[in-house]
Each structure stands twice: as C-alpha cells, then as structure tokens.
Amino acid sequence: MYVGIDKEKNELNLKYTDKFKSKKRGELIGKIIVLVILTIGAVFIMFPLLWMISTALKSDKELFINTSFIPRDWVWENFPKAWKSAPFTIYLKNTVFITIMGVIGALISNSLVAYGFAKINFKGKKVLFAIVLATMMIPGTVTMIPTYILYSRLKWVGTFLPLVVPPFFAGAFNVFLLRQFLLGIPNDYSEAAKIEGANEFMIYWKIILPLCKPALTAIAIFEFNGKWNDFMGPLLYLTDEKMYTLQMGLRTFQGQNGMEWQLFMAASLIVLLPVIIIFFTLQNYFIEGVSMSGIKG
C-alpha cells in the first residue's frame, strides 16, 4: 500500500518537475528572442554614430577607398583641425548662453504653471488646462511665420531674444509632464505647511520643488537637447555670423571645406559629445521623472 502511494508521489513530482523545467525553458527562449531583437535594434540605432566615428578618424584619401568601419590610420588630428576651421569657440559660447537661458526659463515657468494646475483650485482650471494641451496639436511649421512676424515687429530679429525668451512662458508638454508628477505628491505636505503659516509660494519653493528633482531633470534634459540642437531658430532669427550657434557653425563649416566629410563628422562628434555626456550622467533621474509622470514610450 505504502509502495503504491510513494510511486504515485514520485510520478506527481516528476510531472511537476517536467512542467517547471518546460516553463523555465520557455521563459529562457523568450528572453533570448527579446535579447536578439533588442541587439539588432541597438545595432541599427548605433550604426549612424559608429559610421560618424569611423569617418571622423579617416584621412581624406582613405575616406572613399576604405569602406570598412575600422580606419587603417587613425587620424586624430581631424578633431582639432575641424575645430579651427571655423570660429567654433564663439559658436560654443553663443550656444551655451542660449541653452542655459532656455533651461533656466523652462524650469522656472513650467514648474510654476504645473504647480498651479496640480495643487491650486481655481475656477475654469480644467478648461484652461485642456486649452494648454490643445496647443500640443499645433505643428511648429504653422506658427513659424506668425511668430517671425511678431518678433520682427518687436525688433527682436538679429538678437538672441527670440531664442531665450519663449522658454520663460512654459511649454504644453513640459507642463503636462510636471503636472502629472505633482499629482503623485500627497497634499499632506502642503496642508501641514499651511498650518505652520507657509504661503503658497513658500510651499512651492521649499517643499514641492525639492520633491520634483526627477521630473525637473527630465525637463532640463529635454530643453537642453532642444536648444543645443536647434537649427531652425538660429537660422531664422540670427543674422550676424558672430551670433551663430554650433549647429549654424556646422552649416557654414560644410561649405567652407568643400564637403570634407571627415572634418565635418569630427566637428559633429564634438558638438554631439555634451548631449551624450549629460544624458548618461542624468539618465537615472530622467527615467524616473518620465516614468513617475505616467508617460511611457
């Protein structure tokens, strides 16, 4: 009798063990498939960057002869030569100024507007917020000409003002992102501060803002990337070459050197480097800010 029971137990154990192994095997195969797909996707995404690096390290003679990724001779002199081919130091100063002002303006304005929509109750708030979100549906090309006419009448064309002033008036996407993040912060903090006598601005400045570092970092990265890589804005509004940004500098550099692609790619890598460094340095804050705001890609 006991032998029969033990035999049944052993059969059940073997059955469950086989199922467990089969399940584990299926999970492993699934992970391998996902890993292969992600690897292929990463290769496609990284291909232009790798090609840029390869081209930047080749000589002008080798560029069209050697089609492989690895250069025969690593020409590091392309980088200083590319930088000296145009006044990139001046372009860098202009770009840094515009970018810093844009980031500061975006952080101040978007945090204030988002705080109002998230934490302050007032009549017509939902309607006003819906109008703000509706502006996200308007393509930038539609507002380009009216905006240019406006700045022209204000006599801002030929100055940095059209590039540094707009961020101080908030943007719909950043307001939405930060508002979603603020809605996740309990109102207990604000209520406790009000009991202690704090006004609305003190609550915003000393309590809410320190809790919003991930979302603010995400906004700062978005704004930095937008301003640093902006080409259309400087092309429209900057008329003096001494006011050009790095992106405009790449355009003039390309013409000056008669399509010397190795120098053009070297200059492009130098311009791209700060964006890469900042993203990888602050990526944890960026991912946390976007994920906690409820926005998923």
Protein backbone atom coordinates (compact mmCIF):
# COMPACT_ATOMS: atom_id res chain seq x y z
CA MET A 1 0.00 0.00 0.00
CA TYR A 2 2.72 2.47 1.00
CA VAL A 3 4.77 1.45 -2.02
CA GLY A 4 1.85 2.43 -4.30
CA ILE A 5 1.44 5.80 -2.58
CA ASP A 6 5.18 6.53 -2.87
CA LYS A 7 5.07 5.57 -6.52
CA GLU A 8 2.18 8.00 -7.18
CA LYS A 9 4.03 10.76 -5.30
CA ASN A 10 7.14 10.18 -7.37
CA GLU A 11 5.12 10.30 -10.59
CA LEU A 12 3.47 13.57 -9.49
CA ASN A 13 6.85 15.05 -8.54
CA LEU A 14 8.29 14.06 -11.91
CA LYS A 15 5.24 15.54 -13.66
CA TYR A 16 5.52 18.87 -11.84
CA THR A 17 9.30 18.90 -12.31
CA ASP A 18 8.89 18.43 -16.07
CA LYS A 19 6.30 21.23 -16.19
CA PHE A 20 8.61 23.52 -14.19
CA LYS A 21 11.56 22.75 -16.46
CA SER A 22 9.39 23.27 -19.55
CA LYS A 23 8.19 26.62 -18.19
CA LYS A 24 11.75 27.71 -17.37
CA ARG A 25 12.89 26.61 -20.82
CA GLY A 26 10.11 28.64 -22.43
CA GLU A 27 11.00 31.73 -20.37
CA LEU A 28 14.67 31.35 -21.31
CA ILE A 29 13.83 31.06 -25.02
CA GLY A 30 11.59 34.12 -24.74
CA LYS A 31 14.36 36.14 -23.07
CA ILE A 32 16.85 35.08 -25.74
CA ILE A 33 14.46 36.14 -28.53
CA VAL A 34 13.87 39.53 -26.86
CA LEU A 35 17.62 39.99 -26.36
CA VAL A 36 18.32 39.21 -30.02
CA ILE A 37 15.63 41.66 -31.19
CA LEU A 38 16.93 44.40 -28.87
CA THR A 39 20.51 43.77 -30.00
CA ILE A 40 19.52 44.06 -33.66
CA GLY A 41 17.59 47.25 -32.89
CA ALA A 42 20.55 48.70 -30.97
CA VAL A 43 22.87 47.96 -33.91
CA PHE A 44 20.54 49.79 -36.31
CA ILE A 45 20.28 52.76 -33.92
CA MET A 46 24.03 52.90 -33.27
CA PHE A 47 25.02 52.44 -36.92
CA PRO A 48 24.96 56.18 -37.86
CA LEU A 49 27.00 57.09 -34.77
CA LEU A 50 29.56 54.34 -35.44
CA TRP A 51 29.81 55.41 -39.06
CA MET A 52 30.31 59.01 -37.94
CA ILE A 53 33.15 57.99 -35.60
CA SER A 54 34.74 55.86 -38.32
CA THR A 55 34.55 58.67 -40.87
CA ALA A 56 35.93 61.23 -38.42
CA LEU A 57 39.05 59.12 -37.88
CA LYS A 58 39.89 58.59 -41.56
CA SER A 59 42.07 60.67 -43.85
CA ASP A 60 40.60 62.36 -46.90
CA LYS A 61 42.38 59.85 -49.17
CA GLU A 62 41.17 56.82 -47.23
CA LEU A 63 37.60 58.05 -46.89
CA PHE A 64 36.34 56.79 -50.26
CA ILE A 65 38.83 53.92 -50.63
CA ASN A 66 38.40 52.08 -47.34
CA THR A 67 34.71 51.29 -46.78
CA SER A 68 35.28 49.30 -43.58
CA PHE A 69 34.40 50.67 -40.16
CA ILE A 70 37.95 50.44 -38.83
CA PRO A 71 40.32 53.04 -40.33
CA ARG A 72 43.75 51.92 -41.44
CA ASP A 73 45.34 55.03 -39.93
CA TRP A 74 43.61 56.73 -37.00
CA VAL A 75 43.76 60.43 -37.87
CA TRP A 76 43.09 62.13 -34.52
CA GLU A 77 44.26 65.43 -36.00
CA ASN A 78 40.87 65.76 -37.71
CA PHE A 79 39.29 66.94 -34.45
CA PRO A 80 41.49 69.98 -33.69
CA LYS A 81 41.65 70.75 -37.42
CA ALA A 82 37.86 70.73 -37.67
CA TRP A 83 37.50 72.95 -34.59
CA LYS A 84 39.93 75.52 -36.01
CA SER A 85 38.32 75.52 -39.45
CA ALA A 86 35.61 77.89 -38.21
CA PRO A 87 35.17 80.15 -35.14
CA PHE A 88 33.62 77.32 -33.13
CA THR A 89 34.74 78.84 -29.82
CA ILE A 90 32.43 81.82 -30.47
CA TYR A 91 29.66 79.49 -31.62
CA LEU A 92 30.12 77.42 -28.46
CA LYS A 93 29.75 80.49 -26.21
CA ASN A 94 26.57 81.53 -28.02
CA THR A 95 25.11 78.03 -27.81
CA VAL A 96 25.94 77.68 -24.11
CA PHE A 97 24.30 81.05 -23.36
CA ILE A 98 21.12 80.21 -25.29
CA THR A 99 20.95 76.72 -23.79
CA ILE A 100 21.48 77.84 -20.18
CA MET A 101 18.87 80.58 -20.50
CA GLY A 102 16.46 78.12 -22.10
CA VAL A 103 16.91 75.54 -19.34
CA ILE A 104 16.51 78.15 -16.58
CA GLY A 105 13.42 79.61 -18.22
CA ALA A 106 11.86 76.19 -18.79
CA LEU A 107 12.43 75.05 -15.20
CA ILE A 108 11.01 78.23 -13.67
CA SER A 109 7.99 78.71 -15.93
CA ASN A 110 6.92 75.07 -16.31
CA SER A 111 7.21 74.35 -12.59
CA LEU A 112 5.09 77.39 -11.70
CA VAL A 113 2.38 76.62 -14.26
CA ALA A 114 2.32 72.90 -13.44
CA TYR A 115 2.09 73.66 -9.71
CA GLY A 116 -0.91 75.88 -10.34
CA PHE A 117 -2.71 73.19 -12.35
CA ALA A 118 -1.85 70.40 -9.91
CA LYS A 119 -2.14 71.96 -6.45
CA ILE A 120 -4.26 75.12 -6.67
CA ASN A 121 -8.02 75.00 -7.18
CA PHE A 122 -9.49 77.83 -9.23
CA LYS A 123 -12.47 78.32 -11.50
CA GLY A 124 -12.02 77.10 -15.06
CA LYS A 125 -8.85 75.13 -14.29
CA LYS A 126 -9.86 72.06 -16.31
CA VAL A 127 -10.88 74.13 -19.32
CA LEU A 128 -7.68 76.14 -19.23
CA PHE A 129 -5.58 73.00 -18.90
CA ALA A 130 -7.41 71.47 -21.87
CA ILE A 131 -6.56 74.57 -23.92
CA VAL A 132 -2.90 74.25 -22.91
CA LEU A 133 -2.87 70.60 -24.00
CA ALA A 134 -4.60 71.52 -27.27
CA THR A 135 -1.62 73.67 -28.24
CA MET A 136 0.43 70.47 -28.44
CA MET A 137 -1.57 69.55 -31.53
CA ILE A 138 -0.43 72.66 -33.44
CA PRO A 139 2.62 71.93 -35.63
CA GLY A 140 5.56 74.28 -35.25
CA THR A 141 5.54 74.98 -39.00
CA VAL A 142 2.06 76.51 -38.68
CA THR A 143 3.18 79.09 -36.12
CA MET A 144 6.58 79.75 -37.70
CA ILE A 145 5.56 82.64 -39.97
CA PRO A 146 3.23 84.41 -37.46
CA THR A 147 5.92 84.09 -34.80
CA TYR A 148 8.54 85.54 -37.12
CA ILE A 149 6.26 88.47 -37.97
CA LEU A 150 5.67 89.10 -34.25
CA TYR A 151 9.38 89.06 -33.40
CA SER A 152 10.12 91.22 -36.42
CA ARG A 153 7.66 93.88 -35.25
CA LEU A 154 9.20 93.72 -31.79
CA LYS A 155 12.59 94.25 -33.50
CA TRP A 156 13.94 91.06 -31.96
CA VAL A 157 15.23 89.60 -35.23
CA GLY A 158 19.01 89.70 -35.20
CA THR A 159 19.16 89.22 -31.42
CA PHE A 160 19.11 86.26 -29.04
CA LEU A 161 15.70 87.27 -27.64
CA PRO A 162 13.56 85.02 -29.91
CA LEU A 163 15.61 82.06 -28.70
CA VAL A 164 15.84 82.78 -24.96
CA VAL A 165 12.50 84.47 -24.13
CA PRO A 166 9.95 81.76 -25.20
CA PRO A 167 11.14 79.17 -22.62
CA PHE A 168 10.15 81.62 -19.86
CA PHE A 169 6.50 81.19 -20.92
CA ALA A 170 6.30 77.41 -20.40
CA GLY A 171 5.51 74.68 -22.89
CA ALA A 172 2.47 72.42 -23.03
CA PHE A 173 4.35 69.11 -22.98
CA ASN A 174 6.61 70.06 -20.07
CA VAL A 175 3.65 71.44 -18.12
CA PHE A 176 1.75 68.20 -18.68
CA LEU A 177 4.72 66.05 -17.65
CA LEU A 178 5.40 68.02 -14.48
CA ARG A 179 1.71 68.28 -13.55
CA GLN A 180 1.36 64.51 -13.74
CA PHE A 181 4.37 64.16 -11.45
CA LEU A 182 2.98 66.71 -8.97
CA LEU A 183 -0.35 64.89 -8.79
CA GLY A 184 1.53 61.94 -7.32
CA ILE A 185 2.79 64.04 -4.39
CA PRO A 186 0.40 63.81 -1.41
CA ASN A 187 -1.36 67.03 -0.38
CA ASP A 188 -0.47 66.29 3.25
CA TYR A 189 2.83 68.13 2.81
CA SER A 190 1.10 71.30 1.60
CA GLU A 191 -1.61 71.16 4.27
CA ALA A 192 0.95 70.69 7.05
CA ALA A 193 2.94 73.66 5.74
CA LYS A 194 -0.18 75.84 5.60
CA ILE A 195 -0.92 75.01 9.24
CA GLU A 196 2.60 76.21 10.07
CA GLY A 197 1.85 79.51 8.33
CA ALA A 198 3.56 78.96 4.97
CA ASN A 199 2.13 80.78 1.97
CA GLU A 200 1.63 79.23 -1.47
CA PHE A 201 4.99 80.36 -2.86
CA MET A 202 6.90 79.02 0.15
CA ILE A 203 5.16 75.66 -0.25
CA TYR A 204 6.07 75.62 -3.94
CA TRP A 205 9.68 76.71 -3.41
CA LYS A 206 10.71 74.89 -0.25
CA ILE A 207 8.55 71.76 -0.25
CA ILE A 208 7.30 70.85 -3.72
CA LEU A 209 10.33 71.73 -5.85
CA PRO A 210 12.81 69.57 -3.88
CA LEU A 211 10.46 66.61 -4.38
CA CYS A 212 10.35 67.20 -8.14
CA LYS A 213 14.03 66.66 -8.95
CA PRO A 214 13.44 63.67 -11.28
CA ALA A 215 10.76 65.47 -13.32
CA LEU A 216 12.73 68.73 -13.37
CA THR A 217 15.79 66.82 -14.56
CA ALA A 218 13.75 65.29 -17.38
CA ILE A 219 12.53 68.76 -18.42
CA ALA A 220 16.07 70.14 -18.22
CA ILE A 221 17.34 67.36 -20.50
CA PHE A 222 14.51 67.92 -22.99
CA GLU A 223 15.17 71.66 -23.06
CA PHE A 224 18.95 71.24 -23.22
CA ASN A 225 18.66 68.83 -26.12
CA GLY A 226 16.20 71.10 -27.93
CA LYS A 227 18.24 74.29 -27.55
CA TRP A 228 21.63 72.68 -28.13
CA ASN A 229 20.50 71.01 -31.36
CA ASP A 230 18.22 73.81 -32.57
CA PHE A 231 18.96 74.78 -36.15
CA MET A 232 15.77 76.36 -37.46
CA GLY A 233 15.54 79.02 -34.73
CA PRO A 234 19.06 80.42 -35.20
CA LEU A 235 18.64 80.15 -38.98
CA LEU A 236 15.53 82.36 -38.85
CA TYR A 237 16.49 84.92 -36.25
CA LEU A 238 20.30 85.25 -36.17
CA THR A 239 21.65 87.43 -38.96
CA ASP A 240 25.15 88.16 -37.67
CA GLU A 241 27.70 85.38 -38.05
CA LYS A 242 29.24 86.33 -34.70
CA MET A 243 25.95 85.27 -33.07
CA TYR A 244 25.76 81.87 -34.77
CA THR A 245 25.34 78.69 -32.74
CA LEU A 246 27.18 75.40 -33.16
CA GLN A 247 24.50 74.00 -35.47
CA MET A 248 24.78 77.04 -37.71
CA GLY A 249 28.55 76.70 -37.49
CA LEU A 250 28.35 73.17 -38.86
CA ARG A 251 26.40 74.51 -41.82
CA THR A 252 28.98 77.16 -42.67
CA PHE A 253 31.80 74.72 -41.94
CA GLN A 254 30.45 72.30 -44.51
CA GLY A 255 30.53 74.94 -47.22
CA GLN A 256 33.94 76.32 -46.30
CA ASN A 257 35.72 72.97 -46.54
CA GLY A 258 34.19 71.76 -49.79
CA MET A 259 32.46 68.69 -48.37
CA GLU A 260 35.44 67.35 -46.42
CA TRP A 261 33.34 64.73 -44.69
CA GLN A 262 36.00 63.56 -42.26
CA LEU A 263 36.26 67.08 -40.80
CA PHE A 264 32.51 67.58 -40.87
CA MET A 265 31.97 64.34 -38.95
CA ALA A 266 34.71 65.25 -36.47
CA ALA A 267 33.06 68.60 -35.80
CA SER A 268 29.65 66.92 -35.49
CA LEU A 269 31.03 64.49 -32.90
CA ILE A 270 32.44 67.36 -30.85
CA VAL A 271 29.05 69.10 -30.93
CA LEU A 272 27.24 65.86 -30.04
CA LEU A 273 29.51 64.95 -27.13
CA PRO A 274 27.93 67.22 -24.43
CA VAL A 275 24.45 65.83 -25.15
CA ILE A 276 25.69 62.25 -24.75
CA ILE A 277 27.57 63.05 -21.53
CA ILE A 278 24.63 64.86 -19.92
CA PHE A 279 22.13 62.15 -20.84
CA PHE A 280 24.22 59.27 -19.47
CA THR A 281 25.10 61.29 -16.35
CA LEU A 282 21.47 62.13 -15.54
CA GLN A 283 19.69 59.17 -17.14
CA ASN A 284 18.50 57.71 -13.81
CA TYR A 285 16.76 60.96 -12.90
CA PHE A 286 15.41 61.24 -16.44
CA ILE A 287 13.91 57.75 -16.49
CA GLU A 288 12.46 58.16 -13.00
CA GLY A 289 10.93 61.53 -13.85
CA VAL A 290 9.28 60.32 -17.05
CA SER A 291 8.05 57.01 -15.58
CA MET A 292 6.61 58.60 -12.44
CA SER A 293 4.79 61.14 -14.60
CA GLY A 294 2.86 58.32 -16.21
CA ILE A 295 4.38 58.84 -19.66
CA LYS A 296 5.68 55.65 -21.21
CA GLY A 297 7.33 55.17 -24.57
